[in-house]
């Protein structure tokens, strides 16, 4: 049966061992950070967002560093590392290799280290029946399908990372850059992407999210989704692919195995103010863990938001960043917390302390979904979407006479 562990640690440099709560050796690991040296409010200037994946053999990561202020100074990077952290002006700050893992922890090695104690978050996936593969691949040169093979099994879920608009092999850093994340199961998809135009003085931060595809490069063009999950991989369909998206580099973590349940979904922020509990149903099983993300609801000319969070029975963790443009300034900030899985923390320039703020955590994992508790809740726009990948250790077939049975 699959097992899940979320947690956080502070970058210490050198060789570092991080404990997890699985009872077995992990099969997959996801890391992310906003590049902050303290947790909690208030939000602070500059963004050093990064996320990475490993299956214990292959590791890949993407990063986007943005300086607060105008004209925009930003950098994007991807690397053959478990985690890479880049600063604006194309400066590499830190990156680590995966070394090993055990039933009690995982070990990483900081091959580049700036000495800063960044808070880093993780989701570890384990279990005897779980299968995991990290695959590096490229978008085609034009619209159409591309078959990704070599996974070794038929996936139940796909997690995609990407950030460079041009097809340059890792490791590589570019001015501007961006960061993208997508989730897929055979029936559902979700994607978010942020990017920055280096040197821009207006409308230089862009964000977009889609519930219909798993890869987007801003707008309805340059989008992709899996049209089949195959015995040794998956097939992606690319739509309206242009020179900007052609040969685009993508890193995918495929998860599967006989015990794995997975589903992608989205739900609207309830809108209004105050505290509220929000049940999310229709998942089809009781989740053991959730990955969350959200961004802008439309093409965000001059507006971009990116947040990754995770939940399991014992813990919620989240790191977010937001960027926006105003007439005379551009704002970039980030925030991290170890007790929340969703952060919508207000977009505002340096003269405006807050426009909105909403924070939530998973209150319970239910038989057909989960319940979100919004305990800081001041977002009036209920059109804003929150996306999730639910991963389940169990299926719950009906039991005659009512109730459910646990199935390993």
Protein backbone atom coordinates (compact mmCIF):
# COMPACT_ATOMS: atom_id res chain seq x y z
CA UNK A 1 0.00 0.00 0.00
CA UNK A 2 1.36 3.49 -0.81
CA UNK A 3 2.65 5.66 2.01
CA UNK A 4 3.17 9.41 2.11
CA UNK A 5 5.20 11.82 4.21
CA UNK A 6 5.31 15.61 4.02
CA UNK A 7 7.76 17.78 5.88
CA UNK A 8 10.21 20.65 5.86
CA UNK A 9 13.87 21.22 6.55
CA UNK A 10 16.38 24.06 6.55
CA UNK A 11 19.21 23.99 4.03
CA UNK A 12 22.41 23.30 5.95
CA UNK A 13 24.94 22.86 3.13
CA UNK A 14 27.29 19.96 2.54
CA UNK A 15 25.85 16.47 2.93
CA UNK A 16 22.50 16.66 4.70
CA UNK A 17 20.17 13.89 5.91
CA UNK A 18 16.46 14.72 6.26
CA UNK A 19 14.09 12.47 8.25
CA UNK A 20 10.73 11.33 6.88
CA UNK A 21 7.88 9.37 8.48
CA UNK A 22 7.51 6.53 5.98
CA UNK A 23 8.03 3.03 7.31
CA UNK A 24 9.88 2.03 4.15
CA UNK A 25 12.37 3.44 1.68
CA UNK A 26 10.79 6.12 -0.58
CA UNK A 27 10.15 5.46 -4.25
CA UNK A 28 9.78 9.13 -5.22
CA UNK A 29 10.58 12.52 -3.71
CA UNK A 30 9.38 16.02 -4.59
CA UNK A 31 11.10 19.14 -3.16
CA UNK A 32 10.14 22.81 -3.43
CA UNK A 33 11.09 26.14 -1.89
CA UNK A 34 10.32 29.85 -2.15
CA UNK A 35 13.87 30.67 -1.06
CA UNK A 36 12.91 32.17 2.30
CA UNK A 37 15.01 31.98 5.46
CA UNK A 38 12.02 32.41 7.78
CA UNK A 39 8.46 31.09 7.78
CA UNK A 40 5.18 32.87 8.30
CA UNK A 41 3.85 36.33 7.66
CA UNK A 42 4.56 38.97 6.61
CA UNK A 43 5.50 38.24 3.04
CA UNK A 44 8.98 39.43 2.09
CA UNK A 45 10.48 40.82 -1.10
CA UNK A 46 12.08 38.76 -3.90
CA UNK A 47 11.28 35.24 -5.14
CA UNK A 48 13.64 32.28 -5.40
CA UNK A 49 11.15 29.59 -6.35
CA UNK A 50 12.39 26.10 -7.18
CA UNK A 51 11.07 22.56 -7.35
CA UNK A 52 12.63 19.19 -8.12
CA UNK A 53 11.84 15.49 -8.46
CA UNK A 54 13.70 12.19 -8.14
CA UNK A 55 13.02 8.47 -8.42
CA UNK A 56 16.29 7.65 -6.66
CA UNK A 57 18.15 7.27 -9.96
CA UNK A 58 17.22 10.30 -12.06
CA UNK A 59 16.74 13.80 -10.62
CA UNK A 60 15.59 16.96 -12.40
CA UNK A 61 14.69 20.45 -11.19
CA UNK A 62 13.48 23.86 -12.36
CA UNK A 63 13.85 27.31 -10.77
CA UNK A 64 12.79 30.93 -11.28
CA UNK A 65 14.41 33.83 -9.42
CA UNK A 66 12.82 37.29 -9.51
CA UNK A 67 14.01 40.49 -7.84
CA UNK A 68 11.49 42.89 -6.36
CA UNK A 69 11.49 46.14 -8.33
CA UNK A 70 11.51 47.58 -11.82
CA UNK A 71 12.72 47.13 -14.52
CA UNK A 72 12.18 43.40 -14.04
CA UNK A 73 15.29 41.34 -13.33
CA UNK A 74 14.58 37.60 -13.47
CA UNK A 75 16.23 34.28 -14.35
CA UNK A 76 15.05 30.77 -15.16
CA UNK A 77 17.08 27.59 -14.83
CA UNK A 78 16.74 23.83 -15.20
CA UNK A 79 19.32 21.30 -14.05
CA UNK A 80 20.16 17.62 -13.58
CA UNK A 81 19.82 18.12 -9.83
CA UNK A 82 17.31 17.29 -7.13
CA UNK A 83 16.96 21.01 -6.48
CA UNK A 84 18.47 24.08 -8.14
CA UNK A 85 18.01 27.67 -6.89
CA UNK A 86 18.75 30.60 -9.18
CA UNK A 87 18.81 34.34 -8.50
CA UNK A 88 18.02 37.17 -10.90
CA UNK A 89 20.86 38.28 -13.18
CA UNK A 90 21.45 34.58 -13.98
CA UNK A 91 23.29 33.85 -10.72
CA UNK A 92 23.27 30.25 -9.49
CA UNK A 93 22.86 30.27 -5.70
CA UNK A 94 22.54 26.64 -4.63
CA UNK A 95 21.81 23.16 -5.89
CA UNK A 96 21.93 19.64 -4.52
CA UNK A 97 22.27 16.06 -5.71
CA UNK A 98 20.24 13.15 -4.43
CA UNK A 99 22.58 10.75 -2.60
CA UNK A 100 20.48 8.00 -1.00
CA UNK A 101 17.37 7.18 1.01
CA UNK A 102 16.33 4.71 3.68
CA UNK A 103 13.28 3.78 5.74
CA UNK A 104 13.96 6.76 8.03
CA UNK A 105 15.30 9.55 5.83
CA UNK A 106 16.91 10.78 2.62
CA UNK A 107 20.37 12.26 2.06
CA UNK A 108 21.30 15.10 -0.29
CA UNK A 109 24.60 16.81 -1.14
CA UNK A 110 24.78 20.58 -1.74
CA UNK A 111 27.28 20.85 -4.59
CA UNK A 112 26.74 24.63 -4.76
CA UNK A 113 25.85 26.49 -1.57
CA UNK A 114 25.35 30.18 -0.83
CA UNK A 115 25.20 29.58 2.93
CA UNK A 116 21.58 30.73 3.29
CA UNK A 117 19.24 28.63 5.51
CA UNK A 118 16.30 28.36 3.10
CA UNK A 119 13.16 26.54 4.18
CA UNK A 120 12.55 23.58 1.86
CA UNK A 121 9.43 21.39 1.70
CA UNK A 122 8.95 17.83 0.51
CA UNK A 123 6.53 15.04 -0.26
CA UNK A 124 7.96 11.52 -0.10
CA UNK A 125 6.07 8.61 -1.67
CA UNK A 126 6.80 5.03 -0.64
CA UNK A 127 5.30 1.56 -0.47
CA UNK A 128 6.22 -1.88 -1.78
CA UNK A 129 3.78 -1.72 -4.70
CA UNK A 130 4.57 1.86 -5.75
CA UNK A 131 6.42 2.44 -9.03
CA UNK A 132 8.10 5.72 -9.94
CA UNK A 133 10.15 7.01 -12.88
CA UNK A 134 11.53 10.47 -13.69
CA UNK A 135 11.72 11.08 -17.44
CA UNK A 136 13.30 13.96 -19.37
CA UNK A 137 11.75 14.62 -22.80
CA UNK A 138 11.08 17.30 -25.40
CA UNK A 139 8.03 18.80 -27.03
CA UNK A 140 7.85 18.19 -30.78
CA UNK A 141 8.87 20.80 -33.35
CA UNK A 142 5.23 21.49 -34.23
CA UNK A 143 1.66 20.60 -33.25
CA UNK A 144 0.88 16.93 -32.90
CA UNK A 145 1.46 13.90 -30.71
CA UNK A 146 4.65 12.66 -29.10
CA UNK A 147 5.02 9.25 -27.45
CA UNK A 148 7.08 9.10 -24.24
CA UNK A 149 8.43 5.61 -23.53
CA UNK A 150 10.87 4.03 -21.12
CA UNK A 151 8.71 4.56 -18.02
CA UNK A 152 8.61 0.82 -17.32
CA UNK A 153 4.93 0.66 -16.35
CA UNK A 154 1.53 2.17 -17.13
CA UNK A 155 1.29 5.37 -15.03
CA UNK A 156 -1.58 6.24 -12.73
CA UNK A 157 -0.48 9.88 -12.45
CA UNK A 158 1.96 12.29 -14.09
CA UNK A 159 3.63 15.36 -12.57
CA UNK A 160 5.29 17.66 -15.14
CA UNK A 161 7.92 20.35 -14.46
CA UNK A 162 9.20 22.86 -17.03
CA UNK A 163 10.38 26.44 -17.30
CA UNK A 164 12.52 27.27 -20.34
CA UNK A 165 10.71 28.35 -23.47
CA UNK A 166 13.48 27.22 -25.80
CA UNK A 167 14.76 23.69 -26.20
CA UNK A 168 18.13 23.91 -24.44
CA UNK A 169 19.40 20.88 -22.52
CA UNK A 170 20.01 21.09 -18.77
CA UNK A 171 21.89 22.52 -17.03
CA UNK A 172 20.98 25.89 -18.50
CA UNK A 173 20.10 29.37 -17.22
CA UNK A 174 18.35 32.12 -19.19
CA UNK A 175 17.33 35.72 -18.54
CA UNK A 176 13.64 36.10 -17.72
CA UNK A 177 12.53 32.49 -17.61
CA UNK A 178 9.56 31.04 -15.78
CA UNK A 179 8.26 27.99 -13.98
CA UNK A 180 5.51 25.52 -14.86
CA UNK A 181 3.77 22.62 -13.14
CA UNK A 182 1.17 20.15 -14.37
CA UNK A 183 -0.79 17.20 -12.98
CA UNK A 184 -2.49 14.44 -15.01
CA UNK A 185 -4.46 11.26 -14.57
CA UNK A 186 -6.08 9.40 -17.49
CA UNK A 187 -9.26 11.46 -17.17
CA UNK A 188 -8.22 14.87 -15.80
CA UNK A 189 -5.52 17.51 -16.24
CA UNK A 190 -4.32 20.75 -14.63
CA UNK A 191 -1.54 23.21 -15.46
CA UNK A 192 -0.06 26.46 -14.20
CA UNK A 193 2.76 28.61 -15.59
CA UNK A 194 4.42 31.89 -14.61
CA UNK A 195 7.06 33.77 -16.54
CA UNK A 196 8.86 37.11 -16.44
CA UNK A 197 10.09 39.34 -19.25
CA UNK A 198 13.58 40.45 -18.25
CA UNK A 199 14.02 44.22 -18.47
CA UNK A 200 10.31 44.99 -18.85
CA UNK A 201 8.92 48.12 -17.22
CA UNK A 202 5.25 47.18 -17.54
CA UNK A 203 3.19 44.01 -18.02
CA UNK A 204 6.30 41.89 -17.61
CA UNK A 205 4.99 39.25 -15.19
CA UNK A 206 2.62 36.75 -16.80
CA UNK A 207 0.62 33.89 -15.31
CA UNK A 208 -1.87 31.33 -16.54
CA UNK A 209 -3.63 28.17 -15.37
CA UNK A 210 -5.73 25.60 -17.21
CA UNK A 211 -8.04 22.78 -16.03
CA UNK A 212 -8.04 21.23 -19.52
CA UNK A 213 -4.30 20.61 -20.10
CA UNK A 214 -1.19 19.65 -18.11
CA UNK A 215 1.33 21.92 -19.85
CA UNK A 216 0.82 25.58 -20.76
CA UNK A 217 3.21 28.31 -21.87
CA UNK A 218 0.76 31.19 -21.34
CA UNK A 219 -2.54 31.35 -23.16
CA UNK A 220 -4.42 28.77 -25.17
CA UNK A 221 -1.49 28.15 -27.52
CA UNK A 222 1.49 25.99 -26.63
CA UNK A 223 -0.61 23.64 -24.51
CA UNK A 224 -0.43 19.87 -24.11
CA UNK A 225 -2.12 16.99 -22.35
CA UNK A 226 -1.79 13.23 -22.26
CA UNK A 227 -4.24 11.55 -24.64
CA UNK A 228 -3.28 8.05 -23.50
CA UNK A 229 -1.52 6.33 -20.63
CA UNK A 230 0.42 3.48 -22.24
CA UNK A 231 1.99 0.25 -20.97
CA UNK A 232 5.49 1.80 -21.05
CA UNK A 233 4.70 5.51 -20.81
CA UNK A 234 2.22 8.04 -22.18
CA UNK A 235 1.33 9.99 -25.32
CA UNK A 236 1.13 13.81 -25.27
CA UNK A 237 -0.92 15.92 -27.68
CA UNK A 238 0.47 19.42 -28.36
CA UNK A 239 -1.87 22.11 -29.68
CA UNK A 240 -0.98 25.39 -31.44
CA UNK A 241 2.71 24.82 -30.86
CA UNK A 242 4.84 27.71 -32.15
CA UNK A 243 8.56 28.56 -32.17
CA UNK A 244 8.45 29.55 -28.51
CA UNK A 245 7.18 26.14 -27.39
CA UNK A 246 8.86 23.93 -29.98
CA UNK A 247 11.34 21.43 -28.51
CA UNK A 248 10.41 22.67 -25.05
CA UNK A 249 12.17 20.69 -22.27
CA UNK A 250 9.90 18.82 -19.83
CA UNK A 251 10.66 16.70 -16.75
CA UNK A 252 7.98 14.20 -15.70
CA UNK A 253 7.54 12.11 -12.58
CA UNK A 254 5.34 9.11 -13.40
CA UNK A 255 3.70 7.29 -10.49
CA UNK A 256 1.94 3.93 -10.63
CA UNK A 257 1.76 0.43 -9.27
CA UNK A 258 -1.02 -1.92 -8.27
CA UNK A 259 -1.80 -0.06 -5.04
CA UNK A 260 -1.82 3.49 -6.42
CA UNK A 261 -5.03 5.52 -6.74
CA UNK A 262 -4.78 9.02 -8.24
CA UNK A 263 -7.06 11.79 -9.44
CA UNK A 264 -6.75 15.43 -10.47
CA UNK A 265 -9.37 18.02 -9.61
CA UNK A 266 -10.04 21.68 -8.99
CA UNK A 267 -12.38 23.76 -6.87
CA UNK A 268 -13.24 27.43 -6.66
CA UNK A 269 -12.26 29.56 -3.74
CA UNK A 270 -15.54 30.01 -1.83
CA UNK A 271 -15.30 33.81 -1.84
CA UNK A 272 -16.21 36.21 0.91
CA UNK A 273 -14.58 36.69 4.29
CA UNK A 274 -14.31 34.83 7.57
CA UNK A 275 -13.52 31.20 8.39
CA UNK A 276 -15.26 28.34 6.61
CA UNK A 277 -14.96 24.58 5.99
CA UNK A 278 -15.20 23.50 2.34
CA UNK A 279 -15.86 19.80 1.51
CA UNK A 280 -14.37 18.60 -1.79
CA UNK A 281 -16.01 15.44 -3.16
CA UNK A 282 -15.93 13.36 -6.33
CA UNK A 283 -12.35 12.13 -5.92
CA UNK A 284 -13.46 8.49 -5.95
CA UNK A 285 -11.35 7.31 -3.02
CA UNK A 286 -10.03 8.47 0.33
CA UNK A 287 -6.76 10.32 -0.31
CA UNK A 288 -3.61 9.58 1.61
CA UNK A 289 -1.89 12.72 0.35
CA UNK A 290 -2.60 15.81 -1.73
CA UNK A 291 -0.44 18.08 -3.85
CA UNK A 292 -1.94 21.54 -4.39
CA UNK A 293 -1.20 24.41 -6.76
CA UNK A 294 -2.83 27.55 -8.05
CA UNK A 295 -2.05 30.53 -10.25
CA UNK A 296 -3.98 33.18 -12.19
CA UNK A 297 -7.46 32.44 -13.54
CA UNK A 298 -6.83 34.11 -16.92
CA UNK A 299 -3.84 35.26 -18.92
CA UNK A 300 -2.30 37.43 -16.23
CA UNK A 301 -0.81 40.33 -18.13
CA UNK A 302 1.14 42.07 -15.42
CA UNK A 303 0.05 39.51 -12.81
CA UNK A 304 1.37 36.10 -11.84
CA UNK A 305 0.99 33.78 -8.87
CA UNK A 306 2.45 30.36 -8.12
CA UNK A 307 1.99 28.18 -5.06
CA UNK A 308 2.77 24.54 -4.25
CA UNK A 309 1.46 22.84 -1.13
CA UNK A 310 1.11 19.31 0.19
CA UNK A 311 -1.00 17.53 2.78
CA UNK A 312 -1.02 14.14 4.44
CA UNK A 313 -2.62 12.91 7.64
CA UNK A 314 -0.05 14.49 9.93
CA UNK A 315 0.96 17.72 8.22
CA UNK A 316 0.36 20.52 5.72
CA UNK A 317 3.20 22.48 4.07
CA UNK A 318 3.21 25.26 1.47
CA UNK A 319 5.41 27.82 -0.27
CA UNK A 320 4.01 30.54 -2.53
CA UNK A 321 5.20 33.47 -4.60
CA UNK A 322 3.41 36.29 -6.38
CA UNK A 323 4.44 38.95 -8.86
CA UNK A 324 2.56 41.95 -10.21
CA UNK A 325 3.18 45.17 -12.16
CA UNK A 326 2.04 48.69 -11.39
CA UNK A 327 2.51 51.95 -13.25
CA UNK A 328 5.78 52.86 -11.56
CA UNK A 329 6.96 49.68 -9.88
CA UNK A 330 6.91 45.89 -10.05
CA UNK A 331 6.42 43.71 -7.00
CA UNK A 332 7.79 40.23 -6.36
CA UNK A 333 7.37 38.53 -2.99
CA UNK A 334 7.18 35.08 -1.44
CA UNK A 335 5.89 33.37 1.69
CA UNK A 336 6.37 29.93 3.30
CA UNK A 337 4.43 28.10 6.00
CA UNK A 338 4.57 24.63 7.58
CA UNK A 339 0.95 24.58 8.76
CA UNK A 340 -0.93 25.44 5.55
CA UNK A 341 -1.41 23.76 2.17
CA UNK A 342 -2.93 26.73 0.31
CA UNK A 343 -1.69 30.32 0.45
CA UNK A 344 -3.32 33.23 -1.38
CA UNK A 345 -1.42 36.14 0.09
CA UNK A 346 -2.26 39.57 -1.22
CA UNK A 347 -0.87 41.09 -4.37
CA UNK A 348 0.13 44.66 -3.72
CA UNK A 349 2.91 47.10 -4.42
CA UNK A 350 5.30 48.28 -1.74
CA UNK A 351 2.90 51.07 -0.79
CA UNK A 352 -0.02 48.67 -0.35
CA UNK A 353 0.44 46.13 2.42
CA UNK A 354 -2.39 43.81 1.42
CA UNK A 355 -5.17 43.44 -1.13
CA UNK A 356 -6.39 40.00 -0.08
CA UNK A 357 -5.22 37.11 2.02
CA UNK A 358 -6.53 33.57 2.32
CA UNK A 359 -4.89 30.53 3.87
CA UNK A 360 -6.12 26.96 4.31
CA UNK A 361 -5.19 23.49 5.44
CA UNK A 362 -6.74 20.03 5.03
CA UNK A 363 -9.01 19.39 7.98
CA UNK A 364 -9.83 15.77 7.08
CA UNK A 365 -9.40 13.09 4.42
CA UNK A 366 -12.88 11.79 3.62
CA UNK A 367 -14.23 8.68 1.89
CA UNK A 368 -14.75 10.51 -1.42
CA UNK A 369 -12.41 13.47 -1.04
CA UNK A 370 -11.30 15.87 1.66
CA UNK A 371 -12.34 18.96 3.62
CA UNK A 372 -10.46 22.26 3.41
CA UNK A 373 -10.55 24.65 6.36
CA UNK A 374 -10.08 28.30 5.41
CA UNK A 375 -9.01 29.88 8.68
CA UNK A 376 -7.75 33.15 7.15
CA UNK A 377 -10.25 34.08 4.55
CA UNK A 378 -10.55 37.49 2.87
CA UNK A 379 -10.70 36.84 -0.86
CA UNK A 380 -13.95 38.05 -2.43
CA UNK A 381 -13.28 36.70 -5.94
CA UNK A 382 -14.73 33.19 -5.92
CA UNK A 383 -13.60 32.53 -9.51
CA UNK A 384 -10.06 31.80 -8.35
CA UNK A 385 -9.31 28.10 -8.76
CA UNK A 386 -7.33 25.70 -6.60
CA UNK A 387 -5.97 22.53 -8.25
CA UNK A 388 -4.98 19.26 -6.62
CA UNK A 389 -3.52 15.84 -7.28
CA UNK A 390 -5.02 13.31 -4.86
CA UNK A 391 -2.95 10.20 -4.17
CA UNK A 392 -4.66 7.33 -2.40
CA UNK A 393 -3.50 4.37 -0.38
CA UNK A 394 -6.92 2.77 -0.53
CA UNK A 395 -10.03 2.30 -2.61
CA UNK A 396 -13.36 2.19 -0.86
CA UNK A 397 -15.93 -0.16 -2.44
CA UNK A 398 -19.38 -0.10 -0.82
CA UNK A 399 -19.99 -2.66 1.91
CA UNK A 400 -23.39 -4.33 2.03
CA UNK A 401 -25.32 -2.80 4.88
CA UNK A 402 -23.51 0.53 4.65
CA UNK A 403 -20.01 1.76 5.30
CA UNK A 404 -16.75 0.93 3.58
CA UNK A 405 -13.99 -1.64 3.80
CA UNK A 406 -10.25 -0.94 3.61
CA UNK A 407 -8.54 -2.59 0.63
CA UNK A 408 -4.75 -2.84 0.60
